[in-house]
N, C-alpha and C. Protein backbone atom coordinates (compact mmCIF):
# COMPACT_ATOMS: atom_id res chain seq x y z
N MET A 1 18.80 -28.87 32.52
CA MET A 1 20.08 -28.45 32.01
C MET A 1 20.15 -28.67 30.50
N LYS A 2 19.63 -29.81 30.05
CA LYS A 2 19.67 -30.15 28.64
C LYS A 2 18.78 -29.17 27.84
N ASN A 3 17.63 -28.79 28.40
CA ASN A 3 16.72 -27.86 27.76
C ASN A 3 17.37 -26.48 27.61
N ARG A 4 18.07 -26.05 28.63
CA ARG A 4 18.76 -24.76 28.62
C ARG A 4 19.86 -24.77 27.56
N LEU A 5 20.58 -25.87 27.42
CA LEU A 5 21.64 -26.00 26.42
C LEU A 5 21.04 -25.93 25.02
N ASN A 6 19.91 -26.56 24.81
CA ASN A 6 19.23 -26.50 23.51
C ASN A 6 18.83 -25.07 23.17
N GLN A 7 18.35 -24.33 24.17
CA GLN A 7 17.97 -22.94 23.94
C GLN A 7 19.18 -22.10 23.53
N ILE A 8 20.30 -22.32 24.17
CA ILE A 8 21.51 -21.56 23.85
C ILE A 8 21.98 -21.89 22.43
N VAL A 9 21.91 -23.15 22.06
CA VAL A 9 22.33 -23.56 20.71
C VAL A 9 21.43 -22.91 19.66
N VAL A 10 20.13 -22.89 19.90
CA VAL A 10 19.20 -22.29 18.96
C VAL A 10 19.46 -20.79 18.83
N ILE A 11 19.70 -20.12 19.95
CA ILE A 11 19.98 -18.69 19.92
C ILE A 11 21.27 -18.41 19.15
N CYS A 12 22.29 -19.20 19.37
CA CYS A 12 23.56 -19.02 18.64
C CYS A 12 23.38 -19.25 17.14
N LEU A 13 22.61 -20.25 16.77
CA LEU A 13 22.35 -20.51 15.36
C LEU A 13 21.59 -19.37 14.71
N LEU A 14 20.58 -18.84 15.41
CA LEU A 14 19.82 -17.72 14.87
C LEU A 14 20.71 -16.48 14.72
N ALA A 15 21.57 -16.25 15.69
CA ALA A 15 22.49 -15.11 15.61
C ALA A 15 23.44 -15.27 14.43
N ALA A 16 23.96 -16.48 14.23
CA ALA A 16 24.87 -16.73 13.11
C ALA A 16 24.16 -16.54 11.78
N LEU A 17 22.93 -17.01 11.68
CA LEU A 17 22.16 -16.81 10.45
C LEU A 17 21.89 -15.34 10.19
N SER A 18 21.61 -14.60 11.23
CA SER A 18 21.36 -13.17 11.08
C SER A 18 22.60 -12.45 10.58
N VAL A 19 23.74 -12.77 11.15
CA VAL A 19 24.99 -12.14 10.72
C VAL A 19 25.30 -12.50 9.28
N ALA A 20 25.14 -13.77 8.92
CA ALA A 20 25.42 -14.20 7.55
C ALA A 20 24.48 -13.52 6.57
N SER A 21 23.22 -13.38 6.94
CA SER A 21 22.25 -12.71 6.07
C SER A 21 22.63 -11.25 5.85
N ASN A 22 23.03 -10.57 6.93
CA ASN A 22 23.44 -9.17 6.80
C ASN A 22 24.68 -9.02 5.94
N LEU A 23 25.61 -9.94 6.05
CA LEU A 23 26.82 -9.88 5.23
C LEU A 23 26.50 -10.10 3.76
N LEU A 24 25.60 -11.02 3.47
CA LEU A 24 25.22 -11.28 2.08
C LEU A 24 24.46 -10.10 1.47
N CYS A 25 23.61 -9.48 2.26
CA CYS A 25 22.81 -8.37 1.76
C CYS A 25 23.60 -7.07 1.70
N ALA A 26 24.69 -6.97 2.42
CA ALA A 26 25.47 -5.74 2.45
C ALA A 26 26.00 -5.40 1.07
N ASP A 27 26.44 -6.40 0.31
CA ASP A 27 26.94 -6.15 -1.04
C ASP A 27 25.84 -5.63 -1.95
N GLU A 28 24.64 -6.18 -1.85
CA GLU A 28 23.52 -5.74 -2.67
C GLU A 28 23.11 -4.32 -2.31
N LYS A 29 23.09 -4.00 -1.02
CA LYS A 29 22.70 -2.67 -0.58
C LYS A 29 23.72 -1.63 -1.03
N ALA A 30 25.01 -1.99 -1.02
CA ALA A 30 26.05 -1.05 -1.43
C ALA A 30 25.98 -0.79 -2.93
N ALA A 31 25.53 -1.79 -3.69
CA ALA A 31 25.50 -1.65 -5.14
C ALA A 31 24.32 -0.82 -5.62
N THR A 32 23.24 -0.77 -4.85
CA THR A 32 22.06 -0.02 -5.29
C THR A 32 22.14 1.41 -4.78
N LYS A 33 21.83 2.34 -5.67
CA LYS A 33 21.83 3.75 -5.32
C LYS A 33 20.38 4.22 -5.27
N PRO A 34 20.09 5.24 -4.49
CA PRO A 34 18.73 5.78 -4.45
C PRO A 34 18.33 6.31 -5.83
N LEU A 35 17.07 6.13 -6.17
CA LEU A 35 16.58 6.61 -7.46
C LEU A 35 16.32 8.11 -7.41
N SER A 36 16.53 8.76 -8.54
CA SER A 36 16.23 10.18 -8.63
C SER A 36 14.72 10.35 -8.74
N SER A 37 14.25 11.57 -8.55
CA SER A 37 12.81 11.81 -8.64
C SER A 37 12.30 11.55 -10.06
N ASP A 38 13.13 11.83 -11.07
CA ASP A 38 12.73 11.55 -12.45
C ASP A 38 12.59 10.05 -12.69
N ALA A 39 13.49 9.27 -12.10
CA ALA A 39 13.42 7.82 -12.26
C ALA A 39 12.20 7.26 -11.56
N VAL A 40 11.87 7.80 -10.40
CA VAL A 40 10.67 7.35 -9.68
C VAL A 40 9.42 7.71 -10.48
N ASP A 41 9.38 8.94 -11.02
CA ASP A 41 8.24 9.36 -11.85
C ASP A 41 8.08 8.46 -13.06
N ALA A 42 9.18 8.10 -13.70
CA ALA A 42 9.12 7.21 -14.87
C ALA A 42 8.63 5.82 -14.48
N ALA A 43 9.06 5.32 -13.33
CA ALA A 43 8.62 4.00 -12.87
C ALA A 43 7.13 4.00 -12.57
N VAL A 44 6.65 5.06 -11.93
CA VAL A 44 5.22 5.17 -11.62
C VAL A 44 4.41 5.27 -12.91
N LYS A 45 4.89 6.07 -13.85
CA LYS A 45 4.18 6.24 -15.12
C LYS A 45 4.12 4.93 -15.89
N ALA A 46 5.16 4.11 -15.82
CA ALA A 46 5.17 2.83 -16.51
C ALA A 46 4.14 1.86 -15.91
N LEU A 47 3.88 1.98 -14.62
CA LEU A 47 2.91 1.10 -13.96
C LEU A 47 1.47 1.58 -14.12
N LYS A 48 1.31 2.85 -14.40
CA LYS A 48 -0.02 3.44 -14.45
C LYS A 48 -0.67 3.18 -15.81
N LYS A 49 -1.88 2.66 -15.79
CA LYS A 49 -2.62 2.43 -17.02
C LYS A 49 -3.22 3.74 -17.49
N GLU A 50 -3.15 3.98 -18.77
CA GLU A 50 -3.65 5.24 -19.32
C GLU A 50 -5.17 5.28 -19.39
N ASP A 51 -5.79 4.21 -19.86
CA ASP A 51 -7.23 4.21 -20.10
C ASP A 51 -7.93 3.30 -19.11
N VAL A 52 -8.34 3.88 -17.99
CA VAL A 52 -9.04 3.13 -16.96
C VAL A 52 -10.48 3.64 -16.91
N ALA A 53 -11.43 2.73 -16.87
CA ALA A 53 -12.85 3.07 -16.98
C ALA A 53 -13.30 4.07 -15.91
N TRP A 54 -12.86 3.90 -14.68
CA TRP A 54 -13.37 4.78 -13.62
C TRP A 54 -12.90 6.22 -13.77
N ARG A 55 -11.83 6.43 -14.56
CA ARG A 55 -11.39 7.81 -14.79
C ARG A 55 -12.29 8.53 -15.80
N ARG A 56 -13.03 7.77 -16.59
CA ARG A 56 -13.93 8.37 -17.59
C ARG A 56 -15.29 8.72 -17.00
N ILE A 57 -15.55 8.30 -15.78
CA ILE A 57 -16.84 8.56 -15.14
C ILE A 57 -16.91 10.02 -14.72
N ASP A 58 -18.05 10.63 -15.01
CA ASP A 58 -18.29 12.01 -14.59
C ASP A 58 -18.79 11.98 -13.15
N TRP A 59 -17.85 11.94 -12.20
CA TRP A 59 -18.21 11.82 -10.79
C TRP A 59 -18.96 13.05 -10.32
N LYS A 60 -19.97 12.83 -9.51
CA LYS A 60 -20.79 13.92 -8.96
C LYS A 60 -20.51 14.05 -7.47
N THR A 61 -20.46 15.28 -7.01
CA THR A 61 -20.28 15.50 -5.58
C THR A 61 -21.61 15.78 -4.88
N CYS A 62 -22.65 15.98 -5.67
CA CYS A 62 -23.98 16.22 -5.12
C CYS A 62 -24.85 14.99 -5.38
N LEU A 63 -25.47 14.46 -4.35
CA LEU A 63 -26.31 13.27 -4.47
C LEU A 63 -27.46 13.50 -5.45
N LEU A 64 -28.08 14.67 -5.42
CA LEU A 64 -29.22 14.95 -6.31
C LEU A 64 -28.79 14.95 -7.78
N ASP A 65 -27.61 15.53 -8.07
CA ASP A 65 -27.10 15.51 -9.45
C ASP A 65 -26.82 14.08 -9.89
N GLY A 66 -26.28 13.27 -8.99
CA GLY A 66 -26.00 11.88 -9.31
C GLY A 66 -27.26 11.08 -9.57
N LEU A 67 -28.30 11.31 -8.78
CA LEU A 67 -29.58 10.63 -8.99
C LEU A 67 -30.20 11.02 -10.33
N GLU A 68 -30.11 12.29 -10.65
CA GLU A 68 -30.67 12.77 -11.92
C GLU A 68 -29.95 12.13 -13.11
N THR A 69 -28.63 12.12 -13.08
CA THR A 69 -27.85 11.50 -14.15
C THR A 69 -28.12 10.01 -14.24
N SER A 70 -28.24 9.36 -13.09
CA SER A 70 -28.52 7.93 -13.06
C SER A 70 -29.85 7.61 -13.74
N ARG A 71 -30.84 8.43 -13.48
CA ARG A 71 -32.17 8.21 -14.09
C ARG A 71 -32.13 8.48 -15.60
N GLU A 72 -31.42 9.54 -16.00
CA GLU A 72 -31.33 9.87 -17.42
C GLU A 72 -30.65 8.76 -18.22
N GLN A 73 -29.60 8.18 -17.67
CA GLN A 73 -28.81 7.17 -18.38
C GLN A 73 -29.28 5.75 -18.09
N HIS A 74 -30.26 5.60 -17.23
CA HIS A 74 -30.77 4.28 -16.83
C HIS A 74 -29.63 3.38 -16.32
N LYS A 75 -28.82 3.97 -15.45
CA LYS A 75 -27.69 3.24 -14.86
C LYS A 75 -27.77 3.33 -13.35
N PRO A 76 -27.19 2.35 -12.67
CA PRO A 76 -27.22 2.38 -11.20
C PRO A 76 -26.32 3.49 -10.65
N ILE A 77 -26.56 3.82 -9.42
CA ILE A 77 -25.76 4.85 -8.77
C ILE A 77 -24.93 4.20 -7.66
N VAL A 78 -23.73 4.70 -7.49
CA VAL A 78 -22.86 4.24 -6.41
C VAL A 78 -22.69 5.41 -5.45
N LEU A 79 -23.02 5.18 -4.21
CA LEU A 79 -22.91 6.23 -3.19
C LEU A 79 -21.73 5.92 -2.29
N TRP A 80 -20.80 6.85 -2.20
CA TRP A 80 -19.65 6.70 -1.34
C TRP A 80 -19.77 7.75 -0.24
N ALA A 81 -19.90 7.30 0.98
CA ALA A 81 -20.01 8.22 2.12
C ALA A 81 -18.83 8.02 3.06
N PHE A 82 -18.29 9.12 3.54
CA PHE A 82 -17.14 9.05 4.42
C PHE A 82 -17.30 10.10 5.50
N ILE A 83 -17.18 9.68 6.74
CA ILE A 83 -17.25 10.60 7.87
C ILE A 83 -15.90 10.57 8.56
N ASP A 84 -15.27 11.71 8.60
CA ASP A 84 -13.94 11.79 9.19
C ASP A 84 -14.05 12.22 10.64
N ARG A 85 -14.22 11.23 11.49
CA ARG A 85 -14.30 11.51 12.93
C ARG A 85 -13.30 10.62 13.66
N PRO A 86 -12.76 11.11 14.75
CA PRO A 86 -11.83 10.29 15.53
C PRO A 86 -12.50 9.05 16.08
N ILE A 87 -11.72 8.03 16.30
CA ILE A 87 -12.26 6.76 16.79
C ILE A 87 -12.86 6.89 18.19
N ASP A 88 -12.38 7.86 18.95
CA ASP A 88 -12.87 8.00 20.33
C ASP A 88 -13.98 9.05 20.45
N ASP A 89 -14.57 9.41 19.30
CA ASP A 89 -15.66 10.39 19.31
C ASP A 89 -16.89 9.75 19.92
N GLU A 90 -17.44 10.33 20.97
CA GLU A 90 -18.57 9.74 21.69
C GLU A 90 -19.91 10.08 21.08
N ARG A 91 -19.94 10.89 20.01
CA ARG A 91 -21.21 11.27 19.39
C ARG A 91 -21.78 10.14 18.55
N CYS A 92 -20.97 9.18 18.15
CA CYS A 92 -21.44 8.09 17.29
C CYS A 92 -21.91 6.92 18.11
């Protein structure tokens, strides 16, 4: 009986905390308005770095072209392979 009473008290406290949290957040939610698409674009642009090294790389879509460039520049090659198959594909 005592264990059951403790469970009820905990549930009531959690419910009260949930209600209080929703009441406190309701004012903040009412005060914020959705951003316009221009505002979102400006926010994204502010976060985006202009000069990032990987954007200056002349990416190759052909492995042979990449190997040739790698040899000419005496630089390593990075190979990115991706196979788009469903997880339940039995061929793999």
